[in-house]
Amino acid sequence: MKSTPTLLLVLLGTALAQGTSPLMLNLTQSLIQTVQEGGKATEKRTPNYTKVRPGDLLAQTVTARNVSAKALANVAVRLPVPAGHVYVAPDGTAPAGVRTEYSIDGGKTFAPAPLKRKVTVTENGKTVIKEVEVKPGEYQAVRWTIAALPAGTEKTLGFRVQVK
C-alpha cells in the first residue's frame, strides 16, 4: 500500500486558502519502527517513506508557526485521521498552553478525551440508554487550540495512526 498524501493536500489547501495568513502549517509524516540498538529497543522514525503495509505505525505531525509580527490567540489546528488508518495515541505530550480535543463525527464536533456516546441496550427486558466511553481507534479527527502563539514562534503537534 502506498502512503497517501491526503493530509498534506488538506493542509496545503488550508494554507493556500489563507493567502496572507499569519499562520503557516507544515505537515510531516514518518514511519515509526522499533529497532534494537545496543541491546535496547528504540524508536526509529523514517520521514519521506514511500510504502507502508497494514499494521505499520505512522506519526502525523503538524507544526503551526506564527509568521506575523503580532501574537495570535486561540489558534485552532485540525488534522483528520487519514482514510485507511486508525488513530492510536498522541505523538508525545501536548505542549504547554495547548488544548487537545477529538471528534468521532468527521470533525463536526470536538471534545476532550475520553469521549463518550449514548447507546441503547436491553437489560432485563427493558430498553435502557447508557453512556459508554469511545475507544481512541474511533477518533476521526484531532483539534488543538493554542492559547497563545507569540510572533515568530511555533508549536509542534501530532498523533500516531496505524495503517489498516
N, C-alpha and C. Protein backbone atom coordinates (compact mmCIF):
# COMPACT_ATOMS: atom_id res chain seq x y z
N MET A 1 0.85 -1.16 0.00
CA MET A 1 0.00 0.00 0.00
C MET A 1 0.90 1.23 0.00
N LYS A 2 0.66 2.16 -0.89
CA LYS A 2 1.44 3.39 -0.92
C LYS A 2 0.88 4.37 0.10
N SER A 3 1.73 5.25 0.59
CA SER A 3 1.26 6.27 1.53
C SER A 3 0.41 7.27 0.77
N THR A 4 -0.58 7.81 1.45
CA THR A 4 -1.47 8.77 0.81
C THR A 4 -1.10 10.17 1.22
N PRO A 5 -1.03 11.07 0.26
CA PRO A 5 -0.69 12.46 0.56
C PRO A 5 -1.92 13.28 0.95
N THR A 6 -3.01 12.62 1.32
CA THR A 6 -4.26 13.30 1.62
C THR A 6 -4.09 14.39 2.67
N LEU A 7 -3.41 14.08 3.77
CA LEU A 7 -3.24 15.08 4.82
C LEU A 7 -2.47 16.28 4.32
N LEU A 8 -1.43 16.03 3.55
CA LEU A 8 -0.63 17.11 3.02
C LEU A 8 -1.51 18.01 2.15
N LEU A 9 -2.36 17.40 1.34
CA LEU A 9 -3.24 18.18 0.48
C LEU A 9 -4.23 19.00 1.30
N VAL A 10 -4.78 18.42 2.36
CA VAL A 10 -5.71 19.15 3.21
C VAL A 10 -5.03 20.36 3.82
N LEU A 11 -3.84 20.16 4.37
CA LEU A 11 -3.14 21.28 4.99
C LEU A 11 -2.66 22.28 3.95
N LEU A 12 -2.19 21.80 2.81
CA LEU A 12 -1.75 22.70 1.77
C LEU A 12 -2.92 23.54 1.27
N GLY A 13 -4.07 22.89 1.08
CA GLY A 13 -5.27 23.62 0.66
C GLY A 13 -5.67 24.66 1.68
N THR A 14 -5.56 24.33 2.95
CA THR A 14 -5.87 25.29 4.01
C THR A 14 -4.90 26.47 3.95
N ALA A 15 -3.63 26.18 3.79
CA ALA A 15 -2.63 27.23 3.75
C ALA A 15 -2.84 28.14 2.53
N LEU A 16 -3.16 27.55 1.38
CA LEU A 16 -3.40 28.35 0.18
C LEU A 16 -4.64 29.21 0.33
N ALA A 17 -5.68 28.64 0.95
CA ALA A 17 -6.91 29.39 1.14
C ALA A 17 -6.68 30.57 2.08
N GLN A 18 -5.69 30.44 2.97
CA GLN A 18 -5.43 31.51 3.92
C GLN A 18 -4.71 32.68 3.27
N GLY A 19 -4.06 32.46 2.12
CA GLY A 19 -3.39 33.53 1.42
C GLY A 19 -2.31 34.17 2.28
N THR A 20 -2.59 35.34 2.83
CA THR A 20 -1.62 36.05 3.65
C THR A 20 -1.85 35.77 5.13
N SER A 21 -2.18 34.57 5.44
CA SER A 21 -2.45 34.17 6.82
C SER A 21 -1.21 34.37 7.68
N PRO A 22 -1.42 34.75 8.94
CA PRO A 22 -0.28 34.86 9.85
C PRO A 22 0.20 33.50 10.35
N LEU A 23 -0.50 32.44 9.96
CA LEU A 23 -0.18 31.10 10.42
C LEU A 23 0.30 30.23 9.26
N MET A 24 1.47 29.62 9.41
CA MET A 24 1.98 28.69 8.40
C MET A 24 1.94 27.29 9.01
N LEU A 25 1.36 26.34 8.28
CA LEU A 25 1.26 24.96 8.74
C LEU A 25 2.17 24.07 7.91
N ASN A 26 2.89 23.19 8.58
CA ASN A 26 3.78 22.27 7.88
C ASN A 26 3.51 20.85 8.39
N LEU A 27 3.11 19.97 7.51
CA LEU A 27 2.81 18.58 7.88
C LEU A 27 3.98 17.67 7.54
N THR A 28 4.32 16.80 8.47
CA THR A 28 5.29 15.75 8.19
C THR A 28 4.70 14.42 8.61
N GLN A 29 5.08 13.38 7.90
CA GLN A 29 4.64 12.03 8.21
C GLN A 29 5.88 11.15 8.28
N SER A 30 5.93 10.34 9.33
CA SER A 30 7.09 9.46 9.50
C SER A 30 6.63 8.05 9.82
N LEU A 31 7.34 7.09 9.28
CA LEU A 31 7.13 5.69 9.62
C LEU A 31 7.87 5.44 10.92
N ILE A 32 7.19 4.83 11.90
CA ILE A 32 7.81 4.55 13.20
C ILE A 32 8.06 3.05 13.29
N GLN A 33 9.32 2.69 13.56
CA GLN A 33 9.69 1.29 13.70
C GLN A 33 10.48 1.11 15.00
N THR A 34 10.32 -0.04 15.62
CA THR A 34 11.12 -0.37 16.80
C THR A 34 12.33 -1.16 16.33
N VAL A 35 13.52 -0.68 16.69
CA VAL A 35 14.77 -1.33 16.29
C VAL A 35 15.62 -1.57 17.53
N GLN A 36 16.54 -2.50 17.42
CA GLN A 36 17.46 -2.80 18.52
C GLN A 36 18.75 -2.02 18.32
N GLU A 37 19.14 -1.24 19.34
CA GLU A 37 20.41 -0.51 19.30
C GLU A 37 21.10 -0.74 20.63
N GLY A 38 22.26 -1.37 20.59
CA GLY A 38 22.99 -1.63 21.82
C GLY A 38 22.23 -2.51 22.79
N GLY A 39 21.44 -3.43 22.26
CA GLY A 39 20.67 -4.33 23.11
C GLY A 39 19.39 -3.73 23.66
N LYS A 40 19.08 -2.48 23.27
CA LYS A 40 17.86 -1.83 23.74
C LYS A 40 16.93 -1.59 22.56
N ALA A 41 15.65 -1.72 22.84
CA ALA A 41 14.65 -1.39 21.82
C ALA A 41 14.48 0.12 21.78
N THR A 42 14.66 0.71 20.61
CA THR A 42 14.48 2.15 20.44
C THR A 42 13.58 2.41 19.25
N GLU A 43 13.08 3.62 19.19
CA GLU A 43 12.17 4.00 18.12
C GLU A 43 12.95 4.68 16.99
N LYS A 44 12.71 4.22 15.78
CA LYS A 44 13.34 4.81 14.60
C LYS A 44 12.24 5.45 13.76
N ARG A 45 12.43 6.70 13.38
CA ARG A 45 11.48 7.41 12.52
C ARG A 45 12.07 7.56 11.13
N THR A 46 11.28 7.21 10.15
CA THR A 46 11.72 7.33 8.76
C THR A 46 10.80 8.32 8.05
N PRO A 47 11.29 9.55 7.83
CA PRO A 47 10.48 10.50 7.07
C PRO A 47 10.55 10.16 5.59
N ASN A 48 9.63 10.69 4.83
CA ASN A 48 9.62 10.51 3.38
C ASN A 48 9.62 9.05 2.95
N TYR A 49 8.94 8.21 3.70
CA TYR A 49 8.83 6.80 3.33
C TYR A 49 7.97 6.70 2.07
N THR A 50 8.12 5.63 1.34
CA THR A 50 7.36 5.52 0.09
C THR A 50 6.27 4.45 0.13
N LYS A 51 6.43 3.47 0.99
CA LYS A 51 5.43 2.41 1.05
C LYS A 51 5.15 2.05 2.51
N VAL A 52 3.88 1.73 2.76
CA VAL A 52 3.50 1.24 4.09
C VAL A 52 2.70 -0.05 3.91
N ARG A 53 2.67 -0.83 4.99
CA ARG A 53 1.91 -2.08 4.98
C ARG A 53 0.89 -2.05 6.09
N PRO A 54 -0.15 -2.85 5.99
CA PRO A 54 -1.11 -2.93 7.09
C PRO A 54 -0.38 -3.24 8.40
N GLY A 55 -0.75 -2.50 9.44
CA GLY A 55 -0.12 -2.68 10.74
C GLY A 55 1.00 -1.69 11.02
N ASP A 56 1.54 -1.02 9.97
CA ASP A 56 2.60 -0.04 10.19
C ASP A 56 2.10 1.12 11.03
N LEU A 57 2.99 1.65 11.86
CA LEU A 57 2.68 2.78 12.74
C LEU A 57 3.29 4.04 12.13
N LEU A 58 2.49 5.10 12.04
CA LEU A 58 2.94 6.36 11.44
C LEU A 58 2.72 7.51 12.41
N ALA A 59 3.58 8.50 12.36
CA ALA A 59 3.40 9.74 13.12
C ALA A 59 2.93 10.81 12.15
N GLN A 60 1.83 11.46 12.47
CA GLN A 60 1.31 12.59 11.72
C GLN A 60 1.64 13.82 12.56
N THR A 61 2.50 14.70 12.08
CA THR A 61 2.93 15.84 12.86
C THR A 61 2.72 17.13 12.07
N VAL A 62 2.11 18.11 12.73
CA VAL A 62 1.89 19.41 12.10
C VAL A 62 2.56 20.47 12.97
N THR A 63 3.32 21.35 12.31
CA THR A 63 3.94 22.47 13.01
C THR A 63 3.21 23.74 12.60
N ALA A 64 2.70 24.45 13.61
CA ALA A 64 2.00 25.72 13.38
C ALA A 64 2.96 26.84 13.75
N ARG A 65 3.27 27.70 12.78
CA ARG A 65 4.23 28.79 13.00
C ARG A 65 3.55 30.13 12.76
N ASN A 66 3.72 31.03 13.72
CA ASN A 66 3.19 32.39 13.58
C ASN A 66 4.22 33.19 12.79
N VAL A 67 3.89 33.52 11.54
CA VAL A 67 4.81 34.25 10.67
C VAL A 67 4.53 35.75 10.67
N SER A 68 3.64 36.19 11.56
CA SER A 68 3.31 37.61 11.63
C SER A 68 4.15 38.31 12.70
N ALA A 69 3.96 39.61 12.82
CA ALA A 69 4.66 40.41 13.82
C ALA A 69 3.84 40.54 15.10
N LYS A 70 2.66 39.92 15.14
CA LYS A 70 1.78 40.03 16.30
C LYS A 70 1.50 38.65 16.89
N ALA A 71 1.23 38.62 18.18
CA ALA A 71 0.86 37.36 18.84
C ALA A 71 -0.52 36.93 18.36
N LEU A 72 -0.72 35.62 18.26
CA LEU A 72 -2.02 35.06 17.89
C LEU A 72 -2.61 34.40 19.12
N ALA A 73 -3.94 34.45 19.24
CA ALA A 73 -4.61 33.84 20.39
C ALA A 73 -5.65 32.84 19.92
N ASN A 74 -5.80 31.77 20.69
CA ASN A 74 -6.81 30.72 20.42
C ASN A 74 -6.74 30.21 18.98
N VAL A 75 -5.56 29.79 18.59
CA VAL A 75 -5.33 29.27 17.24
C VAL A 75 -5.78 27.81 17.19
N ALA A 76 -6.74 27.51 16.33
CA ALA A 76 -7.24 26.13 16.19
C ALA A 76 -6.58 25.47 14.99
N VAL A 77 -6.01 24.29 15.23
CA VAL A 77 -5.38 23.50 14.17
C VAL A 77 -6.07 22.14 14.17
N ARG A 78 -6.67 21.78 13.02
CA ARG A 78 -7.38 20.50 12.90
C ARG A 78 -6.63 19.59 11.95
N LEU A 79 -6.64 18.30 12.30
CA LEU A 79 -5.98 17.31 11.45
C LEU A 79 -6.85 16.07 11.43
N PRO A 80 -7.34 15.66 10.25
CA PRO A 80 -8.15 14.45 10.20
C PRO A 80 -7.29 13.19 10.30
N VAL A 81 -7.89 12.14 10.81
CA VAL A 81 -7.24 10.83 10.76
C VAL A 81 -7.38 10.38 9.31
N PRO A 82 -6.27 10.06 8.64
CA PRO A 82 -6.36 9.72 7.22
C PRO A 82 -7.21 8.46 6.97
N ALA A 83 -7.88 8.45 5.83
CA ALA A 83 -8.65 7.28 5.42
C ALA A 83 -7.70 6.09 5.34
N GLY A 84 -8.17 4.92 5.77
CA GLY A 84 -7.35 3.73 5.73
C GLY A 84 -6.41 3.60 6.91
N HIS A 85 -6.58 4.48 7.92
CA HIS A 85 -5.75 4.48 9.12
C HIS A 85 -6.64 4.52 10.35
N VAL A 86 -6.08 4.11 11.48
CA VAL A 86 -6.80 4.14 12.76
C VAL A 86 -5.98 4.96 13.74
N TYR A 87 -6.63 5.89 14.44
CA TYR A 87 -5.97 6.69 15.46
C TYR A 87 -5.46 5.76 16.55
N VAL A 88 -4.24 5.99 17.04
CA VAL A 88 -3.66 5.16 18.09
C VAL A 88 -3.49 5.97 19.38
N ALA A 89 -2.77 7.09 19.30
CA ALA A 89 -2.45 7.87 20.50
C ALA A 89 -1.81 9.19 20.09
N PRO A 90 -1.69 10.12 21.06
CA PRO A 90 -0.93 11.34 20.76
C PRO A 90 0.51 10.98 20.44
N ASP A 91 1.19 11.83 19.70
CA ASP A 91 2.62 11.63 19.44
C ASP A 91 3.37 12.55 20.38
N GLY A 92 3.78 12.01 21.51
CA GLY A 92 4.42 12.82 22.54
C GLY A 92 3.37 13.53 23.39
N THR A 93 3.82 14.48 24.17
CA THR A 93 2.90 15.22 25.01
C THR A 93 2.58 16.56 24.37
N ALA A 94 1.37 17.03 24.58
CA ALA A 94 0.97 18.32 24.01
C ALA A 94 1.77 19.42 24.69
N PRO A 95 2.25 20.39 23.93
CA PRO A 95 2.99 21.49 24.54
C PRO A 95 2.11 22.27 25.53
N ALA A 96 2.75 22.97 26.45
CA ALA A 96 2.01 23.79 27.41
C ALA A 96 1.16 24.82 26.65
N GLY A 97 -0.01 25.09 27.18
CA GLY A 97 -0.89 26.09 26.57
C GLY A 97 -1.66 25.58 25.37
N VAL A 98 -1.72 24.26 25.19
CA VAL A 98 -2.45 23.68 24.06
C VAL A 98 -3.53 22.74 24.59
N ARG A 99 -4.77 22.95 24.14
CA ARG A 99 -5.89 22.08 24.50
C ARG A 99 -6.13 21.12 23.33
N THR A 100 -6.21 19.83 23.63
CA THR A 100 -6.41 18.82 22.59
C THR A 100 -7.82 18.26 22.71
N GLU A 101 -8.52 18.19 21.57
CA GLU A 101 -9.88 17.64 21.52
C GLU A 101 -9.99 16.69 20.34
N TYR A 102 -10.97 15.79 20.42
CA TYR A 102 -11.13 14.74 19.42
C TYR A 102 -12.55 14.74 18.87
N SER A 103 -12.70 14.18 17.68
CA SER A 103 -14.00 14.09 17.03
C SER A 103 -14.27 12.66 16.59
N ILE A 104 -15.53 12.24 16.75
CA ILE A 104 -15.95 10.92 16.25
C ILE A 104 -17.00 11.07 15.16
N ASP A 105 -17.26 12.32 14.74
CA ASP A 105 -18.28 12.56 13.72
C ASP A 105 -17.71 13.30 12.50
N GLY A 106 -16.48 12.97 12.18
CA GLY A 106 -15.87 13.55 10.98
C GLY A 106 -15.43 15.00 11.13
N GLY A 107 -15.32 15.49 12.36
CA GLY A 107 -14.86 16.84 12.59
C GLY A 107 -15.96 17.86 12.77
N LYS A 108 -17.21 17.41 12.91
CA LYS A 108 -18.31 18.35 13.15
C LYS A 108 -18.28 18.88 14.58
N THR A 109 -18.01 17.99 15.55
CA THR A 109 -17.92 18.39 16.95
C THR A 109 -16.65 17.82 17.55
N PHE A 110 -16.13 18.50 18.57
CA PHE A 110 -14.91 18.08 19.25
C PHE A 110 -15.12 18.16 20.76
N ALA A 111 -14.43 17.29 21.49
CA ALA A 111 -14.47 17.30 22.94
C ALA A 111 -13.18 16.68 23.46
N PRO A 112 -12.82 16.99 24.72
CA PRO A 112 -11.61 16.38 25.29
C PRO A 112 -11.83 14.89 25.55
N ALA A 113 -10.74 14.13 25.55
CA ALA A 113 -10.81 12.70 25.85
C ALA A 113 -11.02 12.53 27.35
N PRO A 114 -11.66 11.48 27.77
CA PRO A 114 -12.24 10.41 26.95
C PRO A 114 -13.61 10.85 26.41
N LEU A 115 -13.85 10.54 25.15
CA LEU A 115 -15.15 10.84 24.54
C LEU A 115 -16.16 9.80 24.98
N LYS A 116 -17.42 10.22 25.05
CA LYS A 116 -18.49 9.30 25.44
C LYS A 116 -19.62 9.42 24.42
N ARG A 117 -20.37 8.33 24.30
CA ARG A 117 -21.55 8.33 23.42
C ARG A 117 -22.65 7.58 24.13
N LYS A 118 -23.87 7.89 23.76
CA LYS A 118 -25.03 7.20 24.34
C LYS A 118 -25.44 6.07 23.42
N VAL A 119 -25.70 4.91 24.04
CA VAL A 119 -26.16 3.75 23.28
C VAL A 119 -27.41 3.20 23.96
N THR A 120 -28.25 2.60 23.16
CA THR A 120 -29.46 1.98 23.68
C THR A 120 -29.24 0.49 23.77
N VAL A 121 -29.48 -0.07 24.95
CA VAL A 121 -29.32 -1.51 25.18
C VAL A 121 -30.55 -2.05 25.89
N THR A 122 -30.70 -3.36 25.84
CA THR A 122 -31.79 -4.01 26.56
C THR A 122 -31.22 -4.75 27.76
N GLU A 123 -31.73 -4.39 28.94
CA GLU A 123 -31.30 -5.04 30.18
C GLU A 123 -32.54 -5.52 30.93
N ASN A 124 -32.57 -6.80 31.23
CA ASN A 124 -33.71 -7.38 31.95
C ASN A 124 -35.04 -7.07 31.27
N GLY A 125 -35.03 -7.10 29.94
CA GLY A 125 -36.25 -6.88 29.18
C GLY A 125 -36.64 -5.42 29.01
N LYS A 126 -35.84 -4.48 29.53
CA LYS A 126 -36.15 -3.05 29.42
C LYS A 126 -35.11 -2.36 28.55
N THR A 127 -35.56 -1.38 27.77
CA THR A 127 -34.66 -0.58 26.96
C THR A 127 -34.05 0.50 27.85
N VAL A 128 -32.73 0.55 27.85
CA VAL A 128 -32.01 1.49 28.70
C VAL A 128 -30.99 2.25 27.84
N ILE A 129 -30.86 3.54 28.12
CA ILE A 129 -29.84 4.34 27.44
C ILE A 129 -28.65 4.45 28.38
N LYS A 130 -27.48 4.05 27.88
CA LYS A 130 -26.26 4.08 28.68
C LYS A 130 -25.23 4.96 27.99
N GLU A 131 -24.36 5.53 28.81
CA GLU A 131 -23.25 6.30 28.28
C GLU A 131 -22.01 5.41 28.32
N VAL A 132 -21.35 5.26 27.17
CA VAL A 132 -20.16 4.41 27.10
C VAL A 132 -18.98 5.24 26.58
N GLU A 133 -17.79 4.83 26.98
CA GLU A 133 -16.58 5.51 26.53
C GLU A 133 -16.23 5.06 25.12
N VAL A 134 -15.87 6.02 24.29
CA VAL A 134 -15.46 5.75 22.91
C VAL A 134 -13.99 5.35 22.91
N LYS A 135 -13.67 4.30 22.20
CA LYS A 135 -12.27 3.87 22.08
C LYS A 135 -11.51 4.83 21.17
N PRO A 136 -10.26 5.13 21.49
CA PRO A 136 -9.48 6.05 20.65
C PRO A 136 -9.42 5.63 19.17
N GLY A 137 -9.50 4.35 18.88
CA GLY A 137 -9.49 3.89 17.50
C GLY A 137 -10.67 4.39 16.68
N GLU A 138 -11.68 4.96 17.36
CA GLU A 138 -12.84 5.51 16.66
C GLU A 138 -12.70 7.00 16.38
N TYR A 139 -11.63 7.64 16.88
CA TYR A 139 -11.44 9.07 16.63
C TYR A 139 -11.21 9.29 15.15
N GLN A 140 -11.84 10.33 14.61
CA GLN A 140 -11.74 10.63 13.19
C GLN A 140 -10.98 11.92 12.89
N ALA A 141 -10.78 12.74 13.91
CA ALA A 141 -10.04 13.99 13.73
C ALA A 141 -9.56 14.48 15.09
N VAL A 142 -8.53 15.31 15.05
CA VAL A 142 -7.98 15.91 16.27
C VAL A 142 -7.93 17.42 16.04
N ARG A 143 -8.27 18.16 17.09
CA ARG A 143 -8.16 19.63 17.03
C ARG A 143 -7.36 20.09 18.24
N TRP A 144 -6.36 20.90 17.96
CA TRP A 144 -5.58 21.51 19.02
C TRP A 144 -5.90 22.99 19.03
N THR A 145 -6.11 23.56 20.20
CA THR A 145 -6.30 25.00 20.32
C THR A 145 -5.12 25.55 21.11
N ILE A 146 -4.36 26.40 20.45
CA ILE A 146 -3.17 27.00 21.05
C ILE A 146 -3.61 28.32 21.69
N ALA A 147 -3.49 28.41 23.00
CA ALA A 147 -3.96 29.60 23.73
C ALA A 147 -3.25 30.86 23.25
N ALA A 148 -1.94 30.82 23.13
CA ALA A 148 -1.17 31.98 22.68
C ALA A 148 0.02 31.50 21.85
N LEU A 149 0.20 32.16 20.72
CA LEU A 149 1.34 31.84 19.84
C LEU A 149 2.03 33.17 19.50
N PRO A 150 3.09 33.51 20.28
CA PRO A 150 3.78 34.78 20.04
C PRO A 150 4.35 34.86 18.63
N ALA A 151 4.59 36.08 18.17
CA ALA A 151 5.15 36.32 16.84
C ALA A 151 6.46 35.55 16.68
N GLY A 152 6.59 34.89 15.53
CA GLY A 152 7.82 34.19 15.20
C GLY A 152 8.04 32.86 15.91
N THR A 153 7.05 32.37 16.65
CA THR A 153 7.21 31.10 17.36
C THR A 153 6.37 30.01 16.70
N GLU A 154 6.60 28.79 17.14
CA GLU A 154 5.86 27.65 16.57
C GLU A 154 5.56 26.62 17.65
N LYS A 155 4.55 25.81 17.37
CA LYS A 155 4.19 24.67 18.22
C LYS A 155 4.09 23.46 17.30
N THR A 156 4.64 22.34 17.76
CA THR A 156 4.56 21.10 17.01
C THR A 156 3.58 20.18 17.70
N LEU A 157 2.63 19.66 16.94
CA LEU A 157 1.53 18.85 17.45
C LEU A 157 1.43 17.58 16.62
N GLY A 158 0.93 16.50 17.20
CA GLY A 158 0.82 15.31 16.38
C GLY A 158 0.15 14.14 17.06
N PHE A 159 -0.10 13.13 16.26
CA PHE A 159 -0.67 11.88 16.74
C PHE A 159 -0.15 10.73 15.92
N ARG A 160 -0.38 9.53 16.44
CA ARG A 160 0.04 8.32 15.75
C ARG A 160 -1.18 7.59 15.21
N VAL A 161 -0.97 7.01 14.05
CA VAL A 161 -2.02 6.20 13.42
C VAL A 161 -1.41 4.86 13.00
N GLN A 162 -2.29 3.88 12.81
CA GLN A 162 -1.86 2.59 12.32
C GLN A 162 -2.56 2.34 10.99
N VAL A 163 -1.82 1.82 10.02
CA VAL A 163 -2.38 1.52 8.72
C VAL A 163 -3.30 0.30 8.85
N LYS A 164 -4.51 0.42 8.31
CA LYS A 164 -5.48 -0.70 8.35
C LYS A 164 -5.02 -1.81 7.43
